[in-house]
Amino acid sequence: MREERRLSQAPPRETVLSQKLSRVQSSSVVVFVRFPCDFFQSQRIPVTATPTKRVMELESKLSEAEKEFIEGAPTRSKRSPSEWIPRPPEKYSLTGHRAPINRVIFHPVFSLIVSASEDATIKVELRDHEHVVECIAWAPDSARASINAAAGADNKGAHEGPFLASGSRDKVIRVWDVGAGVCLFTLLGHDNWVRGIVFHPGGKFIVSASDDKTLRVWDTRNKRVMKTLEAHVHFCTSVDFHKSHPYVVTGSVDQTVKIWECR
C-alpha cells in the first residue's frame, strides 16, 4: 500500500517533461517538443521505479538527446570507430598556401599533415620544386635504410625522418627528411609531369606515374630507374600499391584503370 501511494504521488510524465525542458536551451526545446510522447514511451521506464530514480533517468535521457541534437547524430561514445564519418563543423581550418591545394595526407604514425599546392610548396614548409607539386607520399619505416643509403648517410649521420616523397610538374621526384626540413636527393627520368607516387611496402622501391604515360619503378638506394612500363595511351594520373598483395593500380586520362601484377 505504501509503495502504491508513493507511485500515485509521482508527477505525470508530461509534467516531468515540462520541468526538464525548461532547463534546456531553446534551440533544443523545439526538437523535444515535437515528439515528447514517443520519446518517453520509447524509453520504457519501469512502472516500479521510484520518482527519484525516474527523474534521474529522464535527466540522463534528456541530456543524451540534447547532445545528439547539437552534434546532428548519435554521440561519439555510442558509435564504434568503424562508424565514424566526418560531421560539420570542421575541427580546424589551416591557411598558408597561395594557390589551389592538390593533395593532403596524414602521416600513418606521426601527428603530421602534409599538403601539396600549385604554389610549388609542400606544407610542412618544404620548398625546392620549380613548379606545381602534384603528389606526395609518406615513406614506410621499411624504406629508412634505402633512403639513408641514397642520401649518402653513414650510421653515425643517419637521417631520422619521417621521410616524404613528392612529385612535381617540373618532372622531378624529391625525397625529403621532414624532421630536418631538407631535400635528401632527387630522382630524374620522367619526360612530363609526375602525377602519382607511392612507396613499395618493402621500402626498396618507389613507383611513380606521369603524364609521359609511363609507370616507373625506382631503385631508391641507387637513385635510378629500374623499370619503365608504357602504362597508358594518355596521361597516367595516379598510382597505388596494394599493402598486402603484389599488385599496383594505375589510372589515366584515357579513362582506364589498370592492375599490374608484381613478380
C-alpha atoms as a PDB file:
ATOM      1  CA  MET A   1       0.000   0.000   0.000  1.00  0.00           C
ATOM      2  CA  ARG A   2       2.746   2.403   0.909  1.00  0.00           C
ATOM      3  CA  GLU A   3       4.534   1.681  -2.390  1.00  0.00           C
ATOM      4  CA  GLU A   4       1.300   2.215  -4.349  1.00  0.00           C
ATOM      5  CA  ARG A   5       0.671   5.549  -2.533  1.00  0.00           C
ATOM      6  CA  ARG A   6       4.203   6.689  -3.325  1.00  0.00           C
ATOM      7  CA  LEU A   7       3.778   5.835  -7.000  1.00  0.00           C
ATOM      8  CA  SER A   8       0.417   7.571  -7.201  1.00  0.00           C
ATOM      9  CA  GLN A   9       2.012  10.770  -5.928  1.00  0.00           C
ATOM     10  CA  ALA A  10       4.633  10.798  -8.654  1.00  0.00           C
ATOM     11  CA  PRO A  11       4.129  13.644 -11.154  1.00  0.00           C
ATOM     12  CA  PRO A  12       2.752  12.733 -14.581  1.00  0.00           C
ATOM     13  CA  ARG A  13       5.278  12.170 -17.338  1.00  0.00           C
ATOM     14  CA  GLU A  14       4.095  15.316 -19.153  1.00  0.00           C
ATOM     15  CA  THR A  15       4.828  17.389 -16.021  1.00  0.00           C
ATOM     16  CA  VAL A  16       8.314  15.911 -15.716  1.00  0.00           C
ATOM     17  CA  LEU A  17       8.926  16.654 -19.389  1.00  0.00           C
ATOM     18  CA  SER A  18       7.854  20.271 -18.928  1.00  0.00           C
ATOM     19  CA  GLN A  19      10.131  20.720 -15.926  1.00  0.00           C
ATOM     20  CA  LYS A  20      13.137  19.262 -17.720  1.00  0.00           C
ATOM     21  CA  LEU A  21      12.562  21.099 -20.968  1.00  0.00           C
ATOM     22  CA  SER A  22      12.516  24.434 -19.135  1.00  0.00           C
ATOM     23  CA  ARG A  23      16.197  23.862 -18.306  1.00  0.00           C
ATOM     24  CA  VAL A  24      17.485  23.205 -21.799  1.00  0.00           C
ATOM     25  CA  GLN A  25      18.309  25.718 -24.464  1.00  0.00           C
ATOM     26  CA  SER A  26      15.502  26.997 -26.640  1.00  0.00           C
ATOM     27  CA  SER A  27      17.162  25.579 -29.740  1.00  0.00           C
ATOM     28  CA  SER A  28      16.899  22.104 -28.247  1.00  0.00           C
ATOM     29  CA  VAL A  29      13.345  22.576 -26.956  1.00  0.00           C
ATOM     30  CA  VAL A  30      11.968  22.637 -30.469  1.00  0.00           C
ATOM     31  CA  VAL A  31      13.209  19.140 -31.159  1.00  0.00           C
ATOM     32  CA  PHE A  32      11.956  17.599 -27.936  1.00  0.00           C
ATOM     33  CA  VAL A  33       8.533  19.256 -28.041  1.00  0.00           C
ATOM     34  CA  ARG A  34       7.849  17.753 -31.454  1.00  0.00           C
ATOM     35  CA  PHE A  35       7.825  14.180 -30.114  1.00  0.00           C
ATOM     36  CA  PRO A  36       7.530  14.140 -26.303  1.00  0.00           C
ATOM     37  CA  CYS A  37       5.201  11.170 -26.022  1.00  0.00           C
ATOM     38  CA  ASP A  38       7.031   8.939 -28.464  1.00  0.00           C
ATOM     39  CA  PHE A  39      10.314   9.882 -26.889  1.00  0.00           C
ATOM     40  CA  PHE A  40       9.319   8.845 -23.385  1.00  0.00           C
ATOM     41  CA  GLN A  41       7.347   5.786 -24.470  1.00  0.00           C
ATOM     42  CA  SER A  42      10.468   4.545 -26.244  1.00  0.00           C
ATOM     43  CA  GLN A  43      12.469   4.718 -23.017  1.00  0.00           C
ATOM     44  CA  ARG A  44      10.307   2.023 -21.327  1.00  0.00           C
ATOM     45  CA  ILE A  45      10.911   3.340 -17.809  1.00  0.00           C
ATOM     46  CA  PRO A  46       9.798   0.660 -15.323  1.00  0.00           C
ATOM     47  CA  VAL A  47       6.484   1.339 -13.571  1.00  0.00           C
ATOM     48  CA  THR A  48       8.013   0.168 -10.308  1.00  0.00           C
ATOM     49  CA  ALA A  49      10.705   2.863 -10.394  1.00  0.00           C
ATOM     50  CA  THR A  50      10.668   5.399  -7.595  1.00  0.00           C
ATOM     51  CA  PRO A  51      10.022   9.061  -8.507  1.00  0.00           C
ATOM     52  CA  THR A  52      13.642   9.983  -7.718  1.00  0.00           C
ATOM     53  CA  LYS A  53      15.024   7.272  -9.961  1.00  0.00           C
ATOM     54  CA  ARG A  54      12.581   8.208 -12.715  1.00  0.00           C
ATOM     55  CA  VAL A  55      13.696  11.850 -12.634  1.00  0.00           C
ATOM     56  CA  MET A  56      17.330  10.793 -12.806  1.00  0.00           C
ATOM     57  CA  GLU A  57      16.611   8.580 -15.805  1.00  0.00           C
ATOM     58  CA  LEU A  58      14.714  11.374 -17.530  1.00  0.00           C
ATOM     59  CA  GLU A  59      17.539  13.821 -16.905  1.00  0.00           C
ATOM     60  CA  SER A  60      20.036  11.366 -18.359  1.00  0.00           C
ATOM     61  CA  LYS A  61      17.889  10.738 -21.441  1.00  0.00           C
ATOM     62  CA  LEU A  62      17.295  14.444 -21.984  1.00  0.00           C
ATOM     63  CA  SER A  63      20.995  15.189 -21.697  1.00  0.00           C
ATOM     64  CA  GLU A  64      21.828  12.492 -24.225  1.00  0.00           C
ATOM     65  CA  ALA A  65      19.127  13.678 -26.621  1.00  0.00           C
ATOM     66  CA  GLU A  66      20.394  17.254 -26.358  1.00  0.00           C
ATOM     67  CA  LYS A  67      23.898  16.104 -27.295  1.00  0.00           C
ATOM     68  CA  GLU A  68      22.533  14.219 -30.274  1.00  0.00           C
ATOM     69  CA  PHE A  69      20.630  17.303 -31.401  1.00  0.00           C
ATOM     70  CA  ILE A  70      23.707  19.523 -31.152  1.00  0.00           C
ATOM     71  CA  GLU A  71      26.010  17.043 -32.896  1.00  0.00           C
ATOM     72  CA  GLY A  72      23.449  16.040 -35.511  1.00  0.00           C
ATOM     73  CA  ALA A  73      23.893  12.316 -34.845  1.00  0.00           C
ATOM     74  CA  PRO A  74      24.270   9.771 -32.038  1.00  0.00           C
ATOM     75  CA  THR A  75      27.073  10.807 -29.710  1.00  0.00           C
ATOM     76  CA  ARG A  76      30.558   9.501 -30.446  1.00  0.00           C
ATOM     77  CA  SER A  77      30.532   7.244 -27.382  1.00  0.00           C
ATOM     78  CA  LYS A  78      27.634   5.304 -28.933  1.00  0.00           C
ATOM     79  CA  ARG A  79      29.462   4.691 -32.230  1.00  0.00           C
ATOM     80  CA  SER A  80      32.351   2.360 -32.904  1.00  0.00           C
ATOM     81  CA  PRO A  81      35.374   3.779 -34.796  1.00  0.00           C
ATOM     82  CA  SER A  82      34.265   1.862 -37.893  1.00  0.00           C
ATOM     83  CA  GLU A  83      31.130   4.043 -37.986  1.00  0.00           C
ATOM     84  CA  TRP A  84      32.825   7.434 -37.581  1.00  0.00           C
ATOM     85  CA  ILE A  85      32.270   9.777 -40.519  1.00  0.00           C
ATOM     86  CA  PRO A  86      33.075  13.491 -40.976  1.00  0.00           C
ATOM     87  CA  ARG A  87      30.500  15.825 -39.430  1.00  0.00           C
ATOM     88  CA  PRO A  88      30.256  19.621 -39.519  1.00  0.00           C
ATOM     89  CA  PRO A  89      31.581  21.982 -38.433  1.00  0.00           C
ATOM     90  CA  GLU A  90      35.258  21.472 -39.221  1.00  0.00           C
ATOM     91  CA  LYS A  91      37.586  20.945 -36.246  1.00  0.00           C
ATOM     92  CA  TYR A  92      40.373  23.137 -37.661  1.00  0.00           C
ATOM     93  CA  SER A  93      40.931  25.289 -40.744  1.00  0.00           C
ATOM     94  CA  LEU A  94      44.537  25.805 -41.858  1.00  0.00           C
ATOM     95  CA  THR A  95      45.695  28.536 -44.205  1.00  0.00           C
ATOM     96  CA  GLY A  96      49.021  29.482 -45.744  1.00  0.00           C
ATOM     97  CA  HIS A  97      49.105  28.292 -49.350  1.00  0.00           C
ATOM     98  CA  ARG A  98      48.978  30.939 -52.069  1.00  0.00           C
ATOM     99  CA  ALA A  99      47.401  28.750 -54.763  1.00  0.00           C
ATOM    100  CA  PRO A 100      44.996  25.773 -55.005  1.00  0.00           C
ATOM    101  CA  ILE A 101      45.889  22.670 -52.973  1.00  0.00           C
ATOM    102  CA  ASN A 102      46.209  19.443 -54.954  1.00  0.00           C
ATOM    103  CA  ARG A 103      46.812  16.841 -52.257  1.00  0.00           C
ATOM    104  CA  VAL A 104      46.672  16.380 -48.479  1.00  0.00           C
ATOM    105  CA  ILE A 105      47.692  13.307 -46.474  1.00  0.00           C
ATOM    106  CA  PHE A 106      48.147  12.234 -42.847  1.00  0.00           C
ATOM    107  CA  HIS A 107      51.341  10.586 -41.705  1.00  0.00           C
ATOM    108  CA  PRO A 108      50.437   6.999 -40.668  1.00  0.00           C
ATOM    109  CA  VAL A 109      52.339   7.258 -37.351  1.00  0.00           C
ATOM    110  CA  PHE A 110      53.351  10.817 -36.509  1.00  0.00           C
ATOM    111  CA  SER A 111      50.909  13.672 -35.840  1.00  0.00           C
ATOM    112  CA  LEU A 112      51.683  15.375 -39.144  1.00  0.00           C
ATOM    113  CA  ILE A 113      49.667  16.580 -42.118  1.00  0.00           C
ATOM    114  CA  VAL A 114      51.328  17.458 -45.413  1.00  0.00           C
ATOM    115  CA  SER A 115      49.715  19.454 -48.211  1.00  0.00           C
ATOM    116  CA  ALA A 116      50.912  19.940 -51.787  1.00  0.00           C
ATOM    117  CA  SER A 117      49.941  23.049 -53.702  1.00  0.00           C
ATOM    118  CA  GLU A 118      50.129  24.787 -57.064  1.00  0.00           C
ATOM    119  CA  ASP A 119      52.204  27.483 -55.346  1.00  0.00           C
ATOM    120  CA  ALA A 120      55.101  24.967 -55.686  1.00  0.00           C
ATOM    121  CA  THR A 121      55.282  24.337 -51.933  1.00  0.00           C
ATOM    122  CA  ILE A 122      54.731  21.442 -49.604  1.00  0.00           C
ATOM    123  CA  LYS A 123      53.498  22.318 -46.136  1.00  0.00           C
ATOM    124  CA  VAL A 124      55.108  21.210 -43.605  1.00  0.00           C
ATOM    125  CA  GLU A 125      57.240  24.075 -45.033  1.00  0.00           C
ATOM    126  CA  LEU A 126      59.425  22.466 -47.721  1.00  0.00           C
ATOM    127  CA  ARG A 127      60.389  24.220 -50.910  1.00  0.00           C
ATOM    128  CA  ASP A 128      62.668  23.078 -53.705  1.00  0.00           C
ATOM    129  CA  HIS A 129      60.446  22.229 -56.677  1.00  0.00           C
ATOM    130  CA  GLU A 130      60.348  24.660 -59.580  1.00  0.00           C
ATOM    131  CA  HIS A 131      56.688  24.075 -60.487  1.00  0.00           C
ATOM    132  CA  VAL A 132      53.362  22.837 -59.113  1.00  0.00           C
ATOM    133  CA  VAL A 133      53.608  19.916 -56.689  1.00  0.00           C
ATOM    134  CA  GLU A 134      51.195  17.219 -57.897  1.00  0.00           C
ATOM    135  CA  CYS A 135      51.667  14.341 -55.457  1.00  0.00           C
ATOM    136  CA  ILE A 136      53.213  13.312 -52.157  1.00  0.00           C
ATOM    137  CA  ALA A 137      53.672  10.040 -50.272  1.00  0.00           C
ATOM    138  CA  TRP A 138      54.997   9.094 -46.833  1.00  0.00           C
ATOM    139  CA  ALA A 139      57.810   6.564 -46.745  1.00  0.00           C
ATOM    140  CA  PRO A 140      57.212   3.437 -44.646  1.00  0.00           C
ATOM    141  CA  ASP A 141      59.680   2.533 -41.906  1.00  0.00           C
ATOM    142  CA  SER A 142      60.986  -0.202 -44.183  1.00  0.00           C
ATOM    143  CA  ALA A 143      62.350   2.480 -46.557  1.00  0.00           C
ATOM    144  CA  ARG A 144      64.599   4.094 -43.942  1.00  0.00           C
ATOM    145  CA  ALA A 145      67.757   2.120 -44.827  1.00  0.00           C
ATOM    146  CA  SER A 146      67.400   2.651 -48.574  1.00  0.00           C
ATOM    147  CA  ILE A 147      66.721   6.376 -48.181  1.00  0.00           C
ATOM    148  CA  ASN A 148      69.722   6.874 -45.912  1.00  0.00           C
ATOM    149  CA  ALA A 149      71.929   4.945 -48.340  1.00  0.00           C
ATOM    150  CA  ALA A 150      70.709   7.098 -51.231  1.00  0.00           C
ATOM    151  CA  ALA A 151      71.373  10.244 -49.195  1.00  0.00           C
ATOM    152  CA  GLY A 152      74.939   9.087 -48.515  1.00  0.00           C
ATOM    153  CA  ALA A 153      74.443   8.982 -44.765  1.00  0.00           C
ATOM    154  CA  ASP A 154      76.524   6.604 -42.659  1.00  0.00           C
ATOM    155  CA  ASN A 155      75.282   5.054 -39.429  1.00  0.00           C
ATOM    156  CA  LYS A 156      76.609   7.934 -37.357  1.00  0.00           C
ATOM    157  CA  GLY A 157      74.935  10.606 -39.506  1.00  0.00           C
ATOM    158  CA  ALA A 158      71.760   8.719 -40.420  1.00  0.00           C
ATOM    159  CA  HIS A 159      68.641  10.783 -41.012  1.00  0.00           C
ATOM    160  CA  GLU A 160      65.767  10.095 -38.645  1.00  0.00           C
ATOM    161  CA  GLY A 161      62.844  11.218 -40.780  1.00  0.00           C
ATOM    162  CA  PRO A 162      59.928  10.957 -41.107  1.00  0.00           C
ATOM    163  CA  PHE A 163      60.537  10.791 -44.857  1.00  0.00           C
ATOM    164  CA  LEU A 164      58.345  12.083 -47.666  1.00  0.00           C
ATOM    165  CA  ALA A 165      58.473  11.822 -51.460  1.00  0.00           C
ATOM    166  CA  SER A 166      56.979  14.466 -53.741  1.00  0.00           C
ATOM    167  CA  GLY A 167      56.365  14.666 -57.474  1.00  0.00           C
ATOM    168  CA  SER A 168      56.011  17.859 -59.476  1.00  0.00           C
ATOM    169  CA  ARG A 169      55.251  19.390 -62.840  1.00  0.00           C
ATOM    170  CA  ASP A 170      58.986  20.100 -63.010  1.00  0.00           C
ATOM    171  CA  LYS A 171      59.290  16.351 -63.865  1.00  0.00           C
ATOM    172  CA  VAL A 172      61.321  15.696 -60.711  1.00  0.00           C
ATOM    173  CA  ILE A 173      60.761  13.423 -57.715  1.00  0.00           C
ATOM    174  CA  ARG A 174      62.256  14.654 -54.454  1.00  0.00           C
ATOM    175  CA  VAL A 175      62.708  12.701 -51.230  1.00  0.00           C
ATOM    176  CA  TRP A 176      62.680  14.714 -48.006  1.00  0.00           C
ATOM    177  CA  ASP A 177      63.618  14.387 -44.374  1.00  0.00           C
ATOM    178  CA  VAL A 178      60.606  16.225 -42.971  1.00  0.00           C
ATOM    179  CA  GLY A 179      62.046  16.357 -39.470  1.00  0.00           C
ATOM    180  CA  ALA A 180      65.130  18.209 -40.698  1.00  0.00           C
ATOM    181  CA  GLY A 181      63.260  20.120 -43.418  1.00  0.00           C
ATOM    182  CA  VAL A 182      65.755  19.200 -46.145  1.00  0.00           C
ATOM    183  CA  CYS A 183      65.625  17.514 -49.552  1.00  0.00           C
ATOM    184  CA  LEU A 184      67.874  14.447 -49.387  1.00  0.00           C
ATOM    185  CA  PHE A 185      68.001  13.564 -53.088  1.00  0.00           C
ATOM    186  CA  THR A 186      66.146  13.798 -56.402  1.00  0.00           C
ATOM    187  CA  LEU A 187      65.054  11.225 -58.991  1.00  0.00           C
ATOM    188  CA  LEU A 188      65.262  12.310 -62.633  1.00  0.00           C
ATOM    189  CA  GLY A 189      63.850  10.417 -65.610  1.00  0.00           C
ATOM    190  CA  HIS A 190      60.249  11.362 -66.359  1.00  0.00           C
ATOM    191  CA  ASP A 191      59.632  13.404 -69.506  1.00  0.00           C
ATOM    192  CA  ASN A 192      56.463  15.097 -68.248  1.00  0.00           C
ATOM    193  CA  TRP A 193      54.611  15.995 -65.057  1.00  0.00           C
ATOM    194  CA  VAL A 194      54.883  13.499 -62.193  1.00  0.00           C
ATOM    195  CA  ARG A 195      51.267  12.888 -61.173  1.00  0.00           C
ATOM    196  CA  GLY A 196      51.388   9.982 -58.738  1.00  0.00           C
ATOM    197  CA  ILE A 197      53.904   8.444 -56.368  1.00  0.00           C
ATOM    198  CA  VAL A 198      53.915   5.559 -53.894  1.00  0.00           C
ATOM    199  CA  PHE A 199      56.496   3.577 -51.927  1.00  0.00           C
ATOM    200  CA  HIS A 200      56.795  -0.184 -52.286  1.00  0.00           C
ATOM    201  CA  PRO A 201      55.682  -1.746 -48.962  1.00  0.00           C
ATOM    202  CA  GLY A 202      59.098  -3.420 -48.698  1.00  0.00           C
ATOM    203  CA  GLY A 203      60.763   0.005 -48.767  1.00  0.00           C
ATOM    204  CA  LYS A 204      63.320  -0.659 -51.513  1.00  0.00           C
ATOM    205  CA  PHE A 205      61.427   0.890 -54.428  1.00  0.00           C
ATOM    206  CA  ILE A 206      59.383   3.944 -55.375  1.00  0.00           C
ATOM    207  CA  VAL A 207      56.725   3.713 -58.075  1.00  0.00           C
ATOM    208  CA  SER A 208      55.658   6.831 -59.976  1.00  0.00           C
ATOM    209  CA  ALA A 209      53.066   7.735 -62.598  1.00  0.00           C
ATOM    210  CA  SER A 210      53.485  10.539 -65.090  1.00  0.00           C
ATOM    211  CA  ASP A 211      51.926  12.483 -67.919  1.00  0.00           C
ATOM    212  CA  ASP A 212      54.602  10.883 -70.114  1.00  0.00           C
ATOM    213  CA  LYS A 213      52.171   7.895 -69.990  1.00  0.00           C
ATOM    214  CA  THR A 214      54.633   5.703 -68.114  1.00  0.00           C
ATOM    215  CA  LEU A 215      54.826   3.887 -64.823  1.00  0.00           C
ATOM    216  CA  ARG A 216      58.364   3.897 -63.471  1.00  0.00           C
ATOM    217  CA  VAL A 217      59.916   1.741 -60.765  1.00  0.00           C
ATOM    218  CA  TRP A 218      62.842   3.386 -58.991  1.00  0.00           C
ATOM    219  CA  ASP A 219      65.655   1.655 -57.121  1.00  0.00           C
ATOM    220  CA  THR A 220      65.710   4.009 -54.132  1.00  0.00           C
ATOM    221  CA  ARG A 221      69.167   3.075 -52.828  1.00  0.00           C
ATOM    222  CA  ASN A 222      70.844   3.671 -56.194  1.00  0.00           C
ATOM    223  CA  LYS A 223      68.551   6.564 -57.272  1.00  0.00           C
ATOM    224  CA  ARG A 224      67.907   5.137 -60.733  1.00  0.00           C
ATOM    225  CA  VAL A 225      65.029   3.861 -62.851  1.00  0.00           C
ATOM    226  CA  MET A 226      64.894   0.083 -62.593  1.00  0.00           C
ATOM    227  CA  LYS A 227      61.942  -0.456 -64.938  1.00  0.00           C
ATOM    228  CA  THR A 228      59.732   1.660 -67.208  1.00  0.00           C
ATOM    229  CA  LEU A 229      56.271   0.482 -68.290  1.00  0.00           C
ATOM    230  CA  GLU A 230      54.337   2.101 -71.129  1.00  0.00           C
ATOM    231  CA  ALA A 231      51.260   2.080 -68.934  1.00  0.00           C
ATOM    232  CA  HIS A 232      48.570   4.072 -70.770  1.00  0.00           C
ATOM    233  CA  VAL A 233      47.778   5.742 -74.091  1.00  0.00           C
ATOM    234  CA  HIS A 234      47.170   9.087 -72.349  1.00  0.00           C
ATOM    235  CA  PHE A 235      48.428  10.845 -69.214  1.00  0.00           C
ATOM    236  CA  CYS A 236      48.938   8.455 -66.303  1.00  0.00           C
ATOM    237  CA  THR A 237      47.477  10.408 -63.394  1.00  0.00           C
ATOM    238  CA  SER A 238      47.509   8.150 -60.324  1.00  0.00           C
ATOM    239  CA  VAL A 239      49.117   5.069 -58.830  1.00  0.00           C
ATOM    240  CA  ASP A 240      48.789   2.987 -55.689  1.00  0.00           C
ATOM    241  CA  PHE A 241      50.386  -0.149 -54.261  1.00  0.00           C
ATOM    242  CA  HIS A 242      48.351  -2.821 -52.508  1.00  0.00           C
ATOM    243  CA  LYS A 243      49.588  -3.050 -48.926  1.00  0.00           C
ATOM    244  CA  SER A 244      49.494  -6.843 -48.596  1.00  0.00           C
ATOM    245  CA  HIS A 245      49.259  -8.296 -52.126  1.00  0.00           C
ATOM    246  CA  PRO A 246      51.642  -7.913 -55.105  1.00  0.00           C
ATOM    247  CA  TYR A 247      49.555  -5.522 -57.197  1.00  0.00           C
ATOM    248  CA  VAL A 248      49.872  -1.946 -58.422  1.00  0.00           C
ATOM    249  CA  VAL A 249      46.908   0.001 -59.795  1.00  0.00           C
ATOM    250  CA  THR A 250      47.082   2.973 -62.164  1.00  0.00           C
ATOM    251  CA  GLY A 251      44.539   5.427 -63.527  1.00  0.00           C
ATOM    252  CA  SER A 252      44.680   7.561 -66.635  1.00  0.00           C
ATOM    253  CA  VAL A 253      43.074  10.300 -68.678  1.00  0.00           C
ATOM    254  CA  ASP A 254      42.416   7.513 -71.216  1.00  0.00           C
ATOM    255  CA  GLN A 255      39.530   6.505 -68.898  1.00  0.00           C
ATOM    256  CA  THR A 256      41.054   3.158 -67.925  1.00  0.00           C
ATOM    257  CA  VAL A 257      42.183   1.669 -64.632  1.00  0.00           C
ATOM    258  CA  LYS A 258      44.886  -0.967 -64.931  1.00  0.00           C
ATOM    259  CA  ILE A 259      46.078  -3.509 -62.377  1.00  0.00           C
ATOM    260  CA  TRP A 260      49.657  -4.684 -62.626  1.00  0.00           C
ATOM    261  CA  GLU A 261      50.979  -7.857 -61.022  1.00  0.00           C
ATOM    262  CA  CYS A 262      54.401  -7.637 -59.373  1.00  0.00           C
ATOM    263  CA  ARG A 263      56.677 -10.595 -59.994  1.00  0.00           C
END
